């Protein structure tokens, strides 16, 4: 994100009514798009550690990581969203979140920042005719200046079938 964009966002936030409640979102990139998840669900942001591959998993469940003695499934959000796979690099991060009764790591290209987004700037997700499967992940669209950020519902990123698979992975 360019410094001018960051300054514009800071100015926008300064102009907002202080009595209006805001939500804090962790912003991250997948390709050129910026996404956000509610910071309250994030337990850690880590450099991508070694991943142990588990056979017969869906393509986007890359395997598991060992984070401070806890075994955590690693889900590549690029693949979850049907985006082109790319090689992990030194900017690739894993966002550790609590989803229902599971701790899960979401692999992302880069993490940007934690950002306050005024509730009045969050709109409903689009309702495209043939995209209902993909829209289920979208909690809303946040307008920030000239940009739109896609806010995700982390609980809906893991389907019922995936939840069953993840429940079978021992955490310790």
N, C-alpha and C. Protein backbone atom coordinates (compact mmCIF):
# COMPACT_ATOMS: atom_id res chain seq x y z
N UNK A 1 0.85 -1.17 0.00
CA UNK A 1 0.00 0.00 0.00
C UNK A 1 0.90 1.23 0.00
N UNK A 2 0.66 2.17 -0.89
CA UNK A 2 1.47 3.37 -0.97
C UNK A 2 1.20 4.26 0.24
N UNK A 3 2.21 5.08 0.58
CA UNK A 3 2.05 5.97 1.73
C UNK A 3 0.88 6.93 1.55
N UNK A 4 0.66 7.41 0.32
CA UNK A 4 -0.46 8.32 0.09
C UNK A 4 -1.78 7.66 0.40
N UNK A 5 -1.94 6.39 0.02
CA UNK A 5 -3.17 5.66 0.33
C UNK A 5 -3.35 5.54 1.83
N UNK A 6 -2.26 5.24 2.53
CA UNK A 6 -2.32 5.10 3.97
C UNK A 6 -2.71 6.43 4.61
N UNK A 7 -2.09 7.53 4.11
CA UNK A 7 -2.42 8.85 4.64
C UNK A 7 -3.88 9.20 4.37
N UNK A 8 -4.39 8.86 3.19
CA UNK A 8 -5.79 9.12 2.87
C UNK A 8 -6.70 8.38 3.83
N UNK A 9 -6.38 7.13 4.13
CA UNK A 9 -7.20 6.35 5.05
C UNK A 9 -7.16 6.93 6.45
N UNK A 10 -5.98 7.40 6.88
CA UNK A 10 -5.88 8.00 8.21
C UNK A 10 -6.73 9.26 8.26
N UNK A 11 -6.67 10.07 7.20
CA UNK A 11 -7.48 11.29 7.17
C UNK A 11 -8.96 10.94 7.20
N UNK A 12 -9.36 9.93 6.45
CA UNK A 12 -10.75 9.51 6.43
C UNK A 12 -11.19 9.08 7.83
N UNK A 13 -10.34 8.32 8.50
CA UNK A 13 -10.69 7.87 9.85
C UNK A 13 -10.79 9.04 10.81
N UNK A 14 -9.90 10.03 10.65
CA UNK A 14 -9.95 11.19 11.54
C UNK A 14 -11.23 11.99 11.35
N UNK A 15 -11.80 11.96 10.14
CA UNK A 15 -13.01 12.72 9.85
C UNK A 15 -14.28 12.02 10.31
N UNK A 16 -14.19 10.76 10.71
CA UNK A 16 -15.38 10.01 11.09
C UNK A 16 -15.89 10.45 12.45
N UNK A 17 -17.16 10.29 12.65
CA UNK A 17 -17.80 10.63 13.91
C UNK A 17 -17.27 9.71 15.00
N UNK A 18 -16.67 10.25 16.07
CA UNK A 18 -16.09 9.40 17.12
C UNK A 18 -17.14 8.61 17.89
N UNK A 19 -18.42 9.00 17.80
CA UNK A 19 -19.47 8.28 18.51
C UNK A 19 -19.97 7.06 17.76
N UNK A 20 -19.56 6.91 16.49
CA UNK A 20 -19.99 5.76 15.70
C UNK A 20 -19.05 4.59 15.97
N UNK A 21 -19.61 3.43 16.38
CA UNK A 21 -18.73 2.29 16.66
C UNK A 21 -18.04 1.78 15.39
N UNK A 22 -16.78 1.41 15.55
CA UNK A 22 -16.01 0.86 14.43
C UNK A 22 -15.70 -0.60 14.69
N UNK A 23 -15.37 -1.28 13.63
CA UNK A 23 -14.91 -2.66 13.71
C UNK A 23 -13.46 -2.67 13.28
N UNK A 24 -12.64 -3.46 13.95
CA UNK A 24 -11.23 -3.60 13.57
C UNK A 24 -11.09 -4.85 12.72
N UNK A 25 -10.43 -4.70 11.59
CA UNK A 25 -10.21 -5.81 10.67
C UNK A 25 -8.72 -5.93 10.36
N UNK A 26 -8.26 -7.17 10.30
CA UNK A 26 -6.92 -7.45 9.82
C UNK A 26 -7.01 -7.53 8.30
N UNK A 27 -6.27 -6.68 7.61
CA UNK A 27 -6.30 -6.65 6.15
C UNK A 27 -5.12 -7.43 5.59
N UNK A 28 -5.38 -8.19 4.54
CA UNK A 28 -4.34 -8.99 3.90
C UNK A 28 -4.62 -9.07 2.41
N UNK A 29 -3.60 -9.48 1.67
CA UNK A 29 -3.72 -9.58 0.21
C UNK A 29 -3.68 -11.03 -0.26
N UNK A 30 -4.47 -11.27 -1.27
CA UNK A 30 -4.38 -12.46 -2.12
C UNK A 30 -4.30 -11.89 -3.53
N UNK A 31 -3.13 -11.94 -4.13
CA UNK A 31 -2.96 -11.28 -5.41
C UNK A 31 -3.10 -9.78 -5.22
N UNK A 32 -3.87 -9.14 -6.10
CA UNK A 32 -4.05 -7.69 -6.02
C UNK A 32 -5.21 -7.28 -5.12
N UNK A 33 -6.02 -8.25 -4.72
CA UNK A 33 -7.21 -7.93 -3.91
C UNK A 33 -6.86 -7.89 -2.43
N UNK A 34 -7.53 -6.97 -1.74
CA UNK A 34 -7.33 -6.86 -0.29
C UNK A 34 -8.59 -7.35 0.41
N UNK A 35 -8.38 -8.20 1.39
CA UNK A 35 -9.45 -8.82 2.16
C UNK A 35 -9.27 -8.43 3.62
N UNK A 36 -10.35 -8.60 4.39
CA UNK A 36 -10.27 -8.33 5.82
C UNK A 36 -11.02 -9.38 6.61
N UNK A 37 -10.50 -9.66 7.81
CA UNK A 37 -11.22 -10.52 8.75
C UNK A 37 -11.24 -9.82 10.10
N UNK A 38 -12.30 -10.06 10.84
CA UNK A 38 -12.49 -9.45 12.15
C UNK A 38 -11.30 -9.79 13.03
N UNK A 39 -10.63 -8.77 13.55
CA UNK A 39 -9.42 -8.98 14.35
C UNK A 39 -9.72 -9.77 15.62
N UNK A 40 -10.96 -9.74 16.09
CA UNK A 40 -11.31 -10.48 17.31
C UNK A 40 -11.15 -11.98 17.13
N UNK A 41 -11.17 -12.47 15.90
CA UNK A 41 -11.03 -13.90 15.64
C UNK A 41 -9.59 -14.32 15.40
N UNK A 42 -8.69 -13.36 15.30
CA UNK A 42 -7.28 -13.64 15.02
C UNK A 42 -6.54 -13.85 16.33
N UNK A 43 -5.83 -14.98 16.42
CA UNK A 43 -5.03 -15.23 17.63
C UNK A 43 -3.54 -14.98 17.39
N UNK A 44 -3.08 -15.04 16.14
CA UNK A 44 -1.67 -14.80 15.84
C UNK A 44 -1.48 -14.60 14.35
N UNK A 45 -0.39 -13.93 14.01
CA UNK A 45 0.07 -13.81 12.62
C UNK A 45 1.51 -14.27 12.64
N UNK A 46 1.83 -15.25 11.82
CA UNK A 46 3.16 -15.87 11.86
C UNK A 46 3.77 -15.94 10.47
N UNK A 47 5.12 -15.96 10.43
CA UNK A 47 5.79 -16.33 9.19
C UNK A 47 5.36 -17.76 8.90
N UNK A 48 5.33 -18.11 7.64
CA UNK A 48 4.88 -19.45 7.27
C UNK A 48 5.93 -20.48 7.68
N UNK A 49 5.59 -21.35 8.64
CA UNK A 49 6.54 -22.40 9.03
C UNK A 49 6.48 -23.58 8.05
N UNK A 50 7.28 -24.59 8.31
CA UNK A 50 7.22 -25.80 7.50
C UNK A 50 5.84 -26.43 7.63
N UNK A 51 5.33 -26.92 6.51
CA UNK A 51 4.01 -27.57 6.49
C UNK A 51 4.22 -29.06 6.29
N UNK A 52 3.59 -29.85 7.14
CA UNK A 52 3.59 -31.30 6.99
C UNK A 52 2.36 -31.68 6.18
N UNK A 53 2.58 -32.29 5.03
CA UNK A 53 1.48 -32.64 4.12
C UNK A 53 0.75 -33.86 4.67
N UNK A 54 -0.58 -33.79 4.67
CA UNK A 54 -1.43 -34.90 5.07
C UNK A 54 -2.08 -35.43 3.79
N UNK A 55 -1.93 -36.73 3.49
CA UNK A 55 -2.51 -37.25 2.25
C UNK A 55 -4.03 -37.20 2.22
N UNK A 56 -4.57 -37.18 1.03
CA UNK A 56 -6.02 -37.25 0.78
C UNK A 56 -6.80 -36.09 1.37
N UNK A 57 -6.22 -34.92 1.39
CA UNK A 57 -6.92 -33.72 1.85
C UNK A 57 -7.36 -32.94 0.62
N UNK A 58 -8.38 -32.09 0.77
CA UNK A 58 -8.71 -31.18 -0.34
C UNK A 58 -7.47 -30.35 -0.69
N UNK A 59 -7.37 -29.94 -1.94
CA UNK A 59 -6.18 -29.24 -2.43
C UNK A 59 -5.82 -28.02 -1.58
N UNK A 60 -6.80 -27.30 -1.11
CA UNK A 60 -6.53 -26.06 -0.37
C UNK A 60 -6.14 -26.30 1.08
N UNK A 61 -6.34 -27.50 1.62
CA UNK A 61 -5.82 -27.82 2.95
C UNK A 61 -4.42 -28.37 2.71
N UNK A 62 -3.42 -27.49 2.89
CA UNK A 62 -2.04 -27.81 2.52
C UNK A 62 -1.40 -28.82 3.46
N UNK A 63 -1.93 -28.97 4.66
CA UNK A 63 -1.36 -29.88 5.65
C UNK A 63 -1.51 -29.29 7.03
N UNK A 64 -0.52 -29.56 7.89
CA UNK A 64 -0.56 -29.03 9.26
C UNK A 64 0.78 -28.38 9.59
N UNK A 65 0.72 -27.46 10.55
CA UNK A 65 1.94 -26.84 11.07
C UNK A 65 2.01 -27.12 12.57
N UNK A 66 3.21 -27.03 13.10
CA UNK A 66 3.42 -27.15 14.54
C UNK A 66 3.71 -25.75 15.06
N UNK A 67 2.76 -25.18 15.77
CA UNK A 67 2.92 -23.83 16.31
C UNK A 67 2.95 -23.91 17.83
N UNK A 68 4.14 -23.76 18.37
CA UNK A 68 4.35 -23.81 19.83
C UNK A 68 3.74 -25.08 20.44
N UNK A 69 3.97 -26.21 19.77
CA UNK A 69 3.52 -27.50 20.28
C UNK A 69 2.10 -27.87 19.93
N UNK A 70 1.40 -26.99 19.24
CA UNK A 70 0.02 -27.27 18.84
C UNK A 70 -0.03 -27.54 17.34
N UNK A 71 -0.70 -28.61 16.94
CA UNK A 71 -0.83 -28.97 15.52
C UNK A 71 -2.04 -28.22 14.96
N UNK A 72 -1.79 -27.43 13.91
CA UNK A 72 -2.83 -26.57 13.35
C UNK A 72 -2.94 -26.82 11.85
N UNK A 73 -4.16 -27.07 11.34
CA UNK A 73 -4.35 -27.22 9.89
C UNK A 73 -4.03 -25.91 9.17
N UNK A 74 -3.41 -26.03 8.00
CA UNK A 74 -3.03 -24.87 7.19
C UNK A 74 -3.87 -24.86 5.91
N UNK A 75 -4.69 -23.82 5.75
CA UNK A 75 -5.58 -23.68 4.60
C UNK A 75 -5.07 -22.53 3.73
N UNK A 76 -4.80 -22.82 2.47
CA UNK A 76 -4.34 -21.81 1.52
C UNK A 76 -5.58 -21.09 0.97
N UNK A 77 -5.76 -19.83 1.36
CA UNK A 77 -6.95 -19.10 0.93
C UNK A 77 -6.97 -18.85 -0.57
N UNK A 78 -5.80 -18.73 -1.20
CA UNK A 78 -5.79 -18.59 -2.67
C UNK A 78 -6.52 -19.77 -3.31
N UNK A 79 -6.15 -20.98 -2.88
CA UNK A 79 -6.75 -22.18 -3.46
C UNK A 79 -8.20 -22.33 -3.02
N UNK A 80 -8.51 -21.92 -1.80
CA UNK A 80 -9.89 -21.99 -1.31
C UNK A 80 -10.81 -21.14 -2.18
N UNK A 81 -10.28 -20.02 -2.66
CA UNK A 81 -11.08 -19.11 -3.49
C UNK A 81 -10.97 -19.42 -4.98
N UNK A 82 -10.26 -20.48 -5.34
CA UNK A 82 -10.12 -20.83 -6.74
C UNK A 82 -9.15 -19.95 -7.50
N UNK A 83 -8.24 -19.28 -6.79
CA UNK A 83 -7.23 -18.46 -7.44
C UNK A 83 -6.04 -19.33 -7.83
N UNK A 84 -5.20 -18.78 -8.70
CA UNK A 84 -4.03 -19.51 -9.16
C UNK A 84 -3.04 -19.68 -8.00
N UNK A 85 -2.50 -20.89 -7.88
CA UNK A 85 -1.51 -21.16 -6.83
C UNK A 85 -0.23 -20.41 -7.16
N UNK A 86 0.45 -19.94 -6.12
CA UNK A 86 1.74 -19.30 -6.34
C UNK A 86 2.72 -19.82 -5.30
N UNK A 87 3.98 -19.73 -5.64
CA UNK A 87 5.02 -20.21 -4.72
C UNK A 87 5.06 -19.30 -3.49
N UNK A 88 5.21 -19.91 -2.33
CA UNK A 88 5.32 -19.13 -1.09
C UNK A 88 6.68 -18.42 -1.07
N UNK A 89 6.68 -17.21 -0.51
CA UNK A 89 7.93 -16.46 -0.40
C UNK A 89 8.06 -15.88 1.01
N UNK A 90 9.03 -14.99 1.19
CA UNK A 90 9.28 -14.45 2.54
C UNK A 90 8.18 -13.51 3.03
N UNK A 91 7.26 -13.13 2.17
CA UNK A 91 6.14 -12.28 2.60
C UNK A 91 4.89 -13.09 2.91
N UNK A 92 4.89 -14.36 2.53
CA UNK A 92 3.74 -15.23 2.79
C UNK A 92 3.59 -15.41 4.30
N UNK A 93 2.37 -15.25 4.78
CA UNK A 93 2.09 -15.36 6.22
C UNK A 93 0.99 -16.38 6.45
N UNK A 94 0.88 -16.78 7.70
CA UNK A 94 -0.25 -17.61 8.10
C UNK A 94 -0.95 -16.88 9.24
N UNK A 95 -2.25 -16.68 9.06
CA UNK A 95 -3.07 -16.01 10.06
C UNK A 95 -3.77 -17.10 10.86
N UNK A 96 -3.51 -17.14 12.15
CA UNK A 96 -4.10 -18.16 13.02
C UNK A 96 -5.41 -17.60 13.58
N UNK A 97 -6.49 -18.34 13.35
CA UNK A 97 -7.82 -17.90 13.80
C UNK A 97 -8.50 -19.02 14.57
N UNK A 98 -9.44 -18.62 15.38
CA UNK A 98 -10.29 -19.57 16.09
C UNK A 98 -11.61 -19.62 15.33
N UNK A 99 -11.96 -20.81 14.82
CA UNK A 99 -13.20 -21.01 14.09
C UNK A 99 -13.98 -22.10 14.81
N UNK A 100 -15.10 -21.69 15.38
CA UNK A 100 -15.91 -22.61 16.18
C UNK A 100 -15.01 -23.25 17.24
N UNK A 101 -14.85 -24.57 17.22
CA UNK A 101 -14.01 -25.23 18.22
C UNK A 101 -12.60 -25.53 17.72
N UNK A 102 -12.26 -25.05 16.54
CA UNK A 102 -10.96 -25.36 15.94
C UNK A 102 -10.08 -24.13 15.82
N UNK A 103 -8.78 -24.36 15.89
CA UNK A 103 -7.80 -23.35 15.54
C UNK A 103 -7.30 -23.71 14.15
N UNK A 104 -7.31 -22.73 13.24
CA UNK A 104 -6.95 -22.96 11.84
C UNK A 104 -6.00 -21.86 11.40
N UNK A 105 -5.07 -22.21 10.51
CA UNK A 105 -4.18 -21.22 9.93
C UNK A 105 -4.58 -20.96 8.49
N UNK A 106 -4.76 -19.69 8.15
CA UNK A 106 -5.07 -19.30 6.78
C UNK A 106 -3.81 -18.71 6.15
N UNK A 107 -3.35 -19.33 5.07
CA UNK A 107 -2.15 -18.87 4.36
C UNK A 107 -2.56 -17.76 3.40
N UNK A 108 -1.87 -16.60 3.49
CA UNK A 108 -2.17 -15.44 2.65
C UNK A 108 -0.87 -14.92 2.04
N UNK A 109 -0.99 -14.14 0.97
CA UNK A 109 0.20 -13.60 0.30
C UNK A 109 0.96 -12.63 1.21
N UNK A 110 0.26 -11.66 1.76
CA UNK A 110 0.86 -10.69 2.68
C UNK A 110 -0.20 -10.18 3.64
N UNK A 111 0.24 -9.73 4.80
CA UNK A 111 -0.64 -9.06 5.74
C UNK A 111 -0.34 -7.57 5.64
N UNK A 112 -1.39 -6.74 5.58
CA UNK A 112 -1.21 -5.30 5.40
C UNK A 112 -1.18 -4.56 6.72
N UNK A 113 -2.32 -4.57 7.42
CA UNK A 113 -2.47 -3.75 8.63
C UNK A 113 -3.76 -4.12 9.34
N UNK A 114 -3.91 -3.59 10.55
CA UNK A 114 -5.19 -3.64 11.25
C UNK A 114 -5.84 -2.29 10.99
N UNK A 115 -7.10 -2.33 10.60
CA UNK A 115 -7.76 -1.09 10.17
C UNK A 115 -9.14 -0.98 10.79
N UNK A 116 -9.46 0.21 11.29
CA UNK A 116 -10.82 0.49 11.76
C UNK A 116 -11.69 0.77 10.55
N UNK A 117 -12.81 0.08 10.47
CA UNK A 117 -13.75 0.33 9.38
C UNK A 117 -15.09 0.70 10.00
N UNK A 118 -15.54 1.89 9.70
CA UNK A 118 -16.81 2.37 10.23
C UNK A 118 -17.94 1.49 9.71
N UNK A 119 -18.84 1.10 10.59
CA UNK A 119 -19.94 0.21 10.20
C UNK A 119 -20.76 0.77 9.04
N UNK A 120 -20.91 2.07 9.00
CA UNK A 120 -21.70 2.68 7.92
C UNK A 120 -21.02 2.54 6.56
N UNK A 121 -19.73 2.20 6.54
CA UNK A 121 -19.00 2.01 5.28
C UNK A 121 -19.00 0.56 4.82
N UNK A 122 -19.70 -0.32 5.55
CA UNK A 122 -19.75 -1.73 5.18
C UNK A 122 -21.10 -2.02 4.54
N UNK A 123 -21.04 -2.49 3.29
CA UNK A 123 -22.26 -2.83 2.57
C UNK A 123 -22.44 -4.33 2.47
N UNK A 124 -23.62 -4.73 2.06
CA UNK A 124 -23.94 -6.15 1.90
C UNK A 124 -23.11 -6.75 0.77
N UNK A 125 -22.85 -8.06 0.85
CA UNK A 125 -22.12 -8.70 -0.24
C UNK A 125 -22.95 -8.71 -1.52
N UNK A 126 -22.27 -8.78 -2.66
CA UNK A 126 -23.00 -8.81 -3.93
C UNK A 126 -23.77 -10.12 -4.05
N UNK A 127 -24.83 -10.08 -4.83
CA UNK A 127 -25.62 -11.30 -5.05
C UNK A 127 -25.59 -11.63 -6.53
N UNK A 128 -24.47 -12.22 -6.95
CA UNK A 128 -24.34 -12.65 -8.33
C UNK A 128 -25.10 -13.94 -8.53
N UNK A 129 -25.71 -14.06 -9.69
CA UNK A 129 -26.60 -15.19 -9.98
C UNK A 129 -25.95 -16.56 -9.76
N UNK A 130 -24.77 -16.80 -10.32
CA UNK A 130 -24.16 -18.13 -10.27
C UNK A 130 -22.98 -18.21 -9.31
N UNK A 131 -22.86 -17.27 -8.40
CA UNK A 131 -21.68 -17.24 -7.52
C UNK A 131 -22.05 -17.45 -6.05
N UNK A 132 -23.18 -18.06 -5.79
CA UNK A 132 -23.63 -18.19 -4.40
C UNK A 132 -22.64 -18.97 -3.54
N UNK A 133 -21.98 -19.97 -4.13
CA UNK A 133 -21.01 -20.76 -3.37
C UNK A 133 -19.86 -19.88 -2.86
N UNK A 134 -19.41 -18.95 -3.70
CA UNK A 134 -18.30 -18.09 -3.31
C UNK A 134 -18.76 -16.92 -2.45
N UNK A 135 -19.96 -16.45 -2.66
CA UNK A 135 -20.47 -15.33 -1.88
C UNK A 135 -20.70 -15.68 -0.42
N UNK A 136 -20.86 -16.96 -0.13
CA UNK A 136 -21.14 -17.35 1.25
C UNK A 136 -20.02 -16.94 2.20
N UNK A 137 -18.79 -16.79 1.70
CA UNK A 137 -17.66 -16.40 2.54
C UNK A 137 -17.65 -14.91 2.85
N UNK A 138 -18.34 -14.13 2.02
CA UNK A 138 -18.25 -12.67 2.12
C UNK A 138 -19.25 -12.14 3.14
N UNK A 139 -18.70 -11.47 4.14
CA UNK A 139 -19.52 -10.85 5.18
C UNK A 139 -20.04 -9.50 4.71
N UNK A 140 -19.20 -8.80 3.95
CA UNK A 140 -19.59 -7.49 3.45
C UNK A 140 -18.48 -6.88 2.63
N UNK A 141 -18.77 -5.72 2.04
CA UNK A 141 -17.80 -4.96 1.27
C UNK A 141 -17.60 -3.62 1.96
N UNK A 142 -16.35 -3.30 2.24
CA UNK A 142 -16.03 -2.05 2.95
C UNK A 142 -15.50 -1.03 1.96
N UNK A 143 -16.12 0.14 1.97
CA UNK A 143 -15.66 1.23 1.12
C UNK A 143 -14.69 2.08 1.94
N UNK A 144 -13.46 2.21 1.45
CA UNK A 144 -12.43 3.02 2.09
C UNK A 144 -11.86 3.94 1.02
N UNK A 145 -12.29 5.18 1.01
CA UNK A 145 -11.85 6.09 -0.03
C UNK A 145 -12.32 5.57 -1.38
N UNK A 146 -11.38 5.38 -2.30
CA UNK A 146 -11.69 4.87 -3.64
C UNK A 146 -11.62 3.35 -3.71
N UNK A 147 -11.22 2.71 -2.63
CA UNK A 147 -11.01 1.26 -2.63
C UNK A 147 -12.18 0.52 -1.99
N UNK A 148 -12.31 -0.74 -2.37
CA UNK A 148 -13.29 -1.64 -1.76
C UNK A 148 -12.52 -2.82 -1.20
N UNK A 149 -12.76 -3.14 0.05
CA UNK A 149 -12.12 -4.27 0.71
C UNK A 149 -13.18 -5.35 0.93
N UNK A 150 -12.81 -6.59 0.70
CA UNK A 150 -13.73 -7.71 0.85
C UNK A 150 -13.59 -8.26 2.26
N UNK A 151 -14.65 -8.14 3.05
CA UNK A 151 -14.63 -8.63 4.43
C UNK A 151 -15.17 -10.05 4.46
N UNK A 152 -14.41 -10.94 5.07
CA UNK A 152 -14.74 -12.36 5.06
C UNK A 152 -15.34 -12.81 6.39
N UNK A 153 -16.21 -13.79 6.29
CA UNK A 153 -16.78 -14.45 7.47
C UNK A 153 -15.97 -15.73 7.65
N UNK A 154 -15.04 -15.74 8.62
CA UNK A 154 -14.13 -16.88 8.75
C UNK A 154 -14.85 -18.18 9.07
N UNK A 155 -15.98 -18.10 9.75
CA UNK A 155 -16.70 -19.33 10.09
C UNK A 155 -17.28 -20.00 8.84
N UNK A 156 -17.53 -19.23 7.80
CA UNK A 156 -18.09 -19.80 6.57
C UNK A 156 -17.01 -20.21 5.57
N UNK A 157 -15.75 -19.91 5.88
CA UNK A 157 -14.66 -20.33 4.99
C UNK A 157 -14.45 -21.83 5.02
N UNK A 158 -14.89 -22.46 6.10
CA UNK A 158 -14.74 -23.91 6.25
C UNK A 158 -16.13 -24.53 6.17
N UNK A 159 -16.35 -25.35 5.14
CA UNK A 159 -17.66 -25.98 4.95
C UNK A 159 -17.85 -27.10 5.97
N UNK A 160 -19.06 -27.63 6.04
CA UNK A 160 -19.37 -28.72 6.97
C UNK A 160 -18.48 -29.93 6.76
N UNK A 161 -18.25 -30.29 5.49
CA UNK A 161 -17.39 -31.43 5.18
C UNK A 161 -15.95 -31.16 5.63
N UNK A 162 -15.47 -29.94 5.34
CA UNK A 162 -14.12 -29.56 5.76
C UNK A 162 -14.01 -29.55 7.28
N UNK A 163 -15.06 -29.09 7.94
CA UNK A 163 -15.08 -29.05 9.40
C UNK A 163 -14.89 -30.46 9.95
N UNK A 164 -15.55 -31.44 9.35
CA UNK A 164 -15.40 -32.83 9.78
C UNK A 164 -13.97 -33.32 9.58
N UNK A 165 -13.36 -32.96 8.45
CA UNK A 165 -11.96 -33.34 8.20
C UNK A 165 -11.06 -32.73 9.25
N UNK A 166 -11.25 -31.43 9.52
CA UNK A 166 -10.40 -30.73 10.48
C UNK A 166 -10.59 -31.26 11.90
N UNK A 167 -11.80 -31.68 12.23
CA UNK A 167 -12.05 -32.23 13.56
C UNK A 167 -11.27 -33.52 13.78
N UNK A 168 -10.94 -34.23 12.70
CA UNK A 168 -10.20 -35.49 12.81
C UNK A 168 -8.70 -35.28 13.00
N UNK A 169 -8.21 -34.05 12.85
CA UNK A 169 -6.78 -33.77 13.03
C UNK A 169 -6.54 -33.47 14.51
N UNK A 170 -5.73 -34.28 15.20
CA UNK A 170 -5.47 -34.02 16.62
C UNK A 170 -4.67 -32.74 16.78
N UNK A 171 -5.02 -31.94 17.80
CA UNK A 171 -4.35 -30.66 18.00
C UNK A 171 -3.06 -30.77 18.80
N UNK A 172 -2.86 -31.85 19.51
CA UNK A 172 -1.64 -31.95 20.33
C UNK A 172 -0.90 -33.21 20.04
